[in-house]
Amino acid sequence: MRDLQGKRYWLVGASEGLGRALAHRMSQAGVELILSARNADRLQALADELPNHAQVVAMDVADTASVRAAAAKIGAIDGVVYLAGLYWPMSAHDWDADKVEAMCDVNLTGCARVLGQVVPAMAAADRGHIVITGSLAGFRGLPGSIGYGASKAGTMGLAETLYADLRGSGVAVQLVNPGFIKTRLTSQNTFQMPFIMDPDAAAQRMFHHMRTDRFKLSFPTGFSLLFRLGQFLPDWAWYRIFPRR
């Protein structure tokens, strides 16, 4: 099991939801955290709650200058966890160009911006830990997920490529693909969300995975099987399971 106690981790997207819950779990385990998101007040409130030392560095992952300035301020780290995400339920019939662009810019390009500031140093030093948050929605096209599904598919592909390049080195790469989690974002959904999880329970699953040597975790297990096996279904069968909304 990977020992995280005493290590220094940059948690990007820490102000609410899964990121906030994971911050509590990691801090309880003795991890020193750097907390980043756009809202400095929320981050400071979180830092004040945590049992272990945490540094607040407000940052907008959609702004390259902001990401570079935050990375320079933070300095050397042992690991980075990317959880920042935007979501609006949206059909192609209701395409909102600004929201689609924002989802792609935060979920995928924002991840690449952050990793661009940490991967080169980790690869050169041959040490580090990279954890990327994907989604079950990224395995295959789903109705009503314009922008979000595509951006998460790209994020998952980025993690898989990093793993392919860095496996066997001193830099560990992990991908976590959760299903529905009770957050401000999923509260927008008007459809039934099977196996929806509390953020604390999801954070526990994620933290346990981070301590292992395995690359990928998709959960909840039973629900995730539908999406993983669905990659092998013919189109007519897949789109019959998920009819147009």
Protein backbone atom coordinates (compact mmCIF):
# COMPACT_ATOMS: atom_id res chain seq x y z
CA MET A 1 0.00 0.00 0.00
CA ARG A 2 1.22 3.49 -0.87
CA ASP A 3 2.05 5.53 2.25
CA LEU A 4 0.75 9.10 1.91
CA GLN A 5 1.42 10.29 5.45
CA GLY A 6 3.66 13.35 5.52
CA LYS A 7 3.47 13.78 1.73
CA ARG A 8 2.57 17.08 0.05
CA TYR A 9 -0.37 16.93 -2.40
CA TRP A 10 -1.97 19.57 -4.61
CA LEU A 11 -5.74 19.08 -4.56
CA VAL A 12 -7.30 20.92 -7.51
CA GLY A 13 -11.06 21.39 -7.24
CA ALA A 14 -11.17 21.15 -3.45
CA SER A 15 -13.82 23.67 -2.48
CA GLU A 16 -16.91 21.44 -2.56
CA GLY A 17 -18.35 18.01 -3.31
CA LEU A 18 -15.96 15.11 -3.79
CA GLY A 19 -12.90 17.39 -3.59
CA ARG A 20 -13.91 18.75 -0.20
CA ALA A 21 -14.67 15.28 1.16
CA LEU A 22 -11.36 13.92 -0.16
CA ALA A 23 -9.50 16.83 1.45
CA HIS A 24 -10.90 15.80 4.84
CA ARG A 25 -9.99 12.16 4.26
CA MET A 26 -6.44 12.92 3.14
CA SER A 27 -5.81 15.44 5.93
CA GLN A 28 -6.99 12.92 8.53
CA ALA A 29 -4.39 10.52 7.12
CA GLY A 30 -1.59 13.04 7.68
CA VAL A 31 -1.26 14.43 4.17
CA GLU A 32 -0.17 18.07 3.80
CA LEU A 33 -2.51 19.66 1.29
CA ILE A 34 -2.43 22.60 -1.08
CA LEU A 35 -6.06 23.47 -1.78
CA SER A 36 -6.97 25.08 -5.10
CA ALA A 37 -10.22 26.24 -6.69
CA ARG A 38 -11.54 29.65 -7.73
CA ASN A 39 -13.21 30.63 -4.44
CA ALA A 40 -10.55 31.58 -1.88
CA ASP A 41 -13.08 32.05 0.94
CA ARG A 42 -14.46 28.53 0.58
CA LEU A 43 -10.96 27.13 0.44
CA GLN A 44 -9.94 28.97 3.60
CA ALA A 45 -13.05 27.75 5.41
CA LEU A 46 -12.11 24.21 4.40
CA ALA A 47 -8.47 24.67 5.46
CA ASP A 48 -9.65 25.87 8.88
CA GLU A 49 -11.65 22.65 9.31
CA LEU A 50 -8.84 20.24 8.45
CA PRO A 51 -6.83 18.52 11.18
CA ASN A 52 -3.51 18.80 9.32
CA HIS A 53 -1.78 21.82 7.79
CA ALA A 54 -3.26 23.02 4.49
CA GLN A 55 -2.20 25.87 2.23
CA VAL A 56 -4.76 27.82 0.21
CA VAL A 57 -3.85 28.82 -3.34
CA ALA A 58 -6.84 30.15 -5.28
CA MET A 59 -6.67 29.42 -8.99
CA ASP A 60 -8.80 29.33 -12.13
CA VAL A 61 -7.97 26.22 -14.17
CA ALA A 62 -9.48 27.89 -17.24
CA ASP A 63 -6.80 30.61 -17.10
CA THR A 64 -3.27 29.58 -18.12
CA ALA A 65 -1.61 32.51 -16.32
CA SER A 66 -3.50 31.69 -13.12
CA VAL A 67 -2.40 28.04 -13.26
CA ARG A 68 1.23 28.96 -13.90
CA ALA A 69 1.26 31.47 -11.05
CA ALA A 70 -0.27 28.93 -8.66
CA ALA A 71 2.24 26.24 -9.62
CA ALA A 72 5.14 28.66 -9.11
CA LYS A 73 3.81 29.60 -5.68
CA ILE A 74 3.32 25.99 -4.62
CA GLY A 75 6.74 24.68 -5.57
CA ALA A 76 7.71 21.02 -5.22
CA ILE A 77 4.95 18.51 -4.51
CA ASP A 78 4.71 14.75 -4.07
CA GLY A 79 1.38 14.40 -5.84
CA VAL A 80 -1.51 16.13 -7.61
CA VAL A 81 -5.20 15.20 -7.64
CA TYR A 82 -7.34 16.79 -10.34
CA LEU A 83 -11.03 16.99 -9.41
CA ALA A 84 -12.09 20.32 -10.91
CA GLY A 85 -15.18 19.95 -13.04
CA LEU A 86 -18.15 21.71 -14.58
CA TYR A 87 -21.45 20.08 -15.53
CA TRP A 88 -24.72 21.11 -17.05
CA PRO A 89 -27.17 18.47 -18.32
CA MET A 90 -27.63 19.30 -21.98
CA SER A 91 -29.05 17.76 -25.13
CA ALA A 92 -27.88 18.60 -28.64
CA HIS A 93 -31.35 20.09 -29.12
CA ASP A 94 -30.55 22.64 -26.39
CA TRP A 95 -26.90 23.29 -27.21
CA ASP A 96 -25.50 26.20 -25.20
CA ALA A 97 -22.17 27.09 -26.84
CA ASP A 98 -20.77 28.97 -23.83
CA LYS A 99 -21.54 26.17 -21.39
CA VAL A 100 -20.17 23.45 -23.67
CA GLU A 101 -16.96 25.42 -24.13
CA ALA A 102 -16.69 25.97 -20.36
CA MET A 103 -17.14 22.25 -19.61
CA CYS A 104 -14.42 21.32 -22.11
CA ASP A 105 -12.13 24.09 -20.87
CA VAL A 106 -12.36 23.08 -17.19
CA ASN A 107 -12.80 19.31 -17.36
CA LEU A 108 -10.24 18.52 -20.06
CA THR A 109 -8.10 21.52 -21.00
CA GLY A 110 -7.90 22.64 -17.38
CA CYS A 111 -6.56 19.23 -16.44
CA ALA A 112 -3.94 19.49 -19.18
CA ARG A 113 -2.99 22.99 -17.97
CA VAL A 114 -2.37 21.77 -14.44
CA LEU A 115 -0.53 18.63 -15.50
CA GLY A 116 1.64 20.72 -17.80
CA GLN A 117 3.01 22.44 -14.71
CA VAL A 118 3.79 19.27 -12.74
CA VAL A 119 4.42 16.32 -15.10
CA PRO A 120 7.73 17.54 -16.58
CA ALA A 121 9.29 17.99 -13.12
CA MET A 122 7.96 14.65 -11.89
CA ALA A 123 9.21 12.84 -15.00
CA ALA A 124 12.64 14.47 -14.68
CA ALA A 125 12.89 13.54 -10.99
CA ASP A 126 11.42 10.07 -11.64
CA ARG A 127 9.04 10.42 -8.70
CA GLY A 128 5.50 11.64 -8.10
CA HIS A 129 1.84 10.65 -8.04
CA ILE A 130 -0.83 11.86 -10.48
CA VAL A 131 -4.52 11.18 -9.85
CA ILE A 132 -7.11 12.19 -12.45
CA THR A 133 -10.89 12.14 -12.03
CA GLY A 134 -12.86 10.86 -15.00
CA SER A 135 -16.47 9.69 -14.98
CA LEU A 136 -18.60 6.72 -15.96
CA ALA A 137 -20.14 9.20 -18.42
CA GLY A 138 -16.86 9.21 -20.34
CA PHE A 139 -16.90 5.56 -21.41
CA ARG A 140 -19.39 5.99 -24.24
CA GLY A 141 -21.81 8.57 -25.61
CA LEU A 142 -24.90 9.20 -23.48
CA PRO A 143 -28.01 11.25 -24.20
CA GLY A 144 -28.14 14.65 -22.56
CA SER A 145 -24.40 14.83 -21.88
CA ILE A 146 -23.18 17.18 -24.61
CA GLY A 147 -19.96 18.78 -23.39
CA TYR A 148 -19.62 16.82 -20.18
CA GLY A 149 -19.37 13.30 -21.62
CA ALA A 150 -16.94 14.38 -24.34
CA SER A 151 -14.72 16.32 -21.94
CA LYS A 152 -14.58 13.41 -19.49
CA ALA A 153 -13.79 10.98 -22.30
CA GLY A 154 -10.87 13.22 -23.22
CA THR A 155 -9.71 13.42 -19.61
CA MET A 156 -9.80 9.63 -19.31
CA GLY A 157 -7.84 9.30 -22.55
CA LEU A 158 -5.25 11.75 -21.20
CA ALA A 159 -4.85 9.66 -18.04
CA GLU A 160 -4.51 6.45 -20.06
CA THR A 161 -1.81 7.99 -22.25
CA LEU A 162 0.09 9.27 -19.20
CA TYR A 163 -0.07 5.80 -17.70
CA ALA A 164 1.17 4.22 -20.93
CA ASP A 165 4.15 6.59 -21.01
CA LEU A 166 5.04 6.58 -17.30
CA ARG A 167 4.27 3.04 -16.14
CA GLY A 168 7.38 1.34 -14.82
CA SER A 169 8.88 4.69 -13.84
CA GLY A 170 8.86 6.37 -10.45
CA VAL A 171 5.79 8.42 -11.40
CA ALA A 172 2.52 6.69 -10.52
CA VAL A 173 -0.58 7.56 -12.57
CA GLN A 174 -4.12 6.71 -11.47
CA LEU A 175 -7.58 7.28 -12.93
CA VAL A 176 -10.81 7.32 -10.90
CA ASN A 177 -14.18 7.14 -12.71
CA PRO A 178 -17.07 7.72 -10.30
CA GLY A 179 -20.77 7.43 -11.02
CA PHE A 180 -23.38 9.78 -9.59
CA ILE A 181 -22.34 11.68 -6.45
CA LYS A 182 -24.66 13.97 -4.46
CA THR A 183 -23.32 17.44 -5.25
CA ARG A 184 -24.53 20.86 -6.33
CA LEU A 185 -23.88 19.78 -9.93
CA THR A 186 -25.90 16.56 -9.92
CA SER A 187 -28.77 18.37 -8.18
CA GLN A 188 -29.51 19.84 -11.63
CA ASN A 189 -30.54 16.41 -12.95
CA THR A 190 -34.25 15.71 -13.28
CA PHE A 191 -33.83 12.01 -14.11
CA GLN A 192 -33.30 9.07 -11.77
CA MET A 193 -29.64 8.60 -10.78
CA PRO A 194 -28.98 4.93 -9.94
CA PHE A 195 -26.59 4.11 -7.08
CA ILE A 196 -25.99 7.78 -6.26
CA MET A 197 -23.32 8.13 -3.57
CA ASP A 198 -22.65 10.51 -0.72
CA PRO A 199 -19.40 12.52 -1.25
CA ASP A 200 -17.85 11.04 1.91
CA ALA A 201 -18.42 7.47 0.73
CA ALA A 202 -17.04 8.30 -2.72
CA ALA A 203 -14.00 10.00 -1.17
CA GLN A 204 -13.31 6.91 0.90
CA ARG A 205 -13.34 4.74 -2.24
CA MET A 206 -11.06 7.18 -4.03
CA PHE A 207 -8.61 7.50 -1.16
CA HIS A 208 -8.36 3.73 -0.77
CA HIS A 209 -7.58 3.45 -4.50
CA MET A 210 -4.89 6.13 -4.20
CA ARG A 211 -3.06 3.96 -1.68
CA THR A 212 -2.97 0.98 -4.05
CA ASP A 213 -0.75 0.31 -7.06
CA ARG A 214 -3.70 -0.16 -9.43
CA PHE A 215 -4.20 2.22 -12.32
CA LYS A 216 -7.96 2.49 -12.72
CA LEU A 217 -11.00 2.46 -10.43
CA SER A 218 -14.57 2.73 -11.73
CA PHE A 219 -17.35 2.74 -9.16
CA PRO A 220 -19.94 1.88 -7.89
CA THR A 221 -18.77 -1.55 -9.04
CA GLY A 222 -22.04 -3.01 -10.27
CA PHE A 223 -23.15 0.16 -12.05
CA SER A 224 -19.73 0.64 -13.62
CA LEU A 225 -19.91 -2.81 -15.23
CA LEU A 226 -22.73 -1.57 -17.45
CA PHE A 227 -20.51 1.17 -18.85
CA ARG A 228 -17.34 -0.89 -19.13
CA LEU A 229 -19.05 -3.82 -20.85
CA GLY A 230 -21.11 -1.37 -22.88
CA GLN A 231 -17.99 -0.50 -24.85
CA PHE A 232 -18.31 -3.89 -26.54
CA LEU A 233 -22.01 -3.63 -27.38
CA PRO A 234 -23.13 -2.80 -30.91
CA ASP A 235 -24.55 0.69 -31.33
CA TRP A 236 -28.17 -0.47 -31.67
CA ALA A 237 -27.99 -2.27 -28.31
CA TRP A 238 -26.22 0.53 -26.44
CA TYR A 239 -28.61 3.26 -27.55
CA ARG A 240 -31.59 1.06 -26.73
CA ILE A 241 -30.36 0.90 -23.10
CA PHE A 242 -30.04 4.70 -23.01
CA PRO A 243 -32.89 6.16 -25.08
CA ARG A 244 -32.95 9.83 -26.10
CA ARG A 245 -34.14 12.21 -23.39
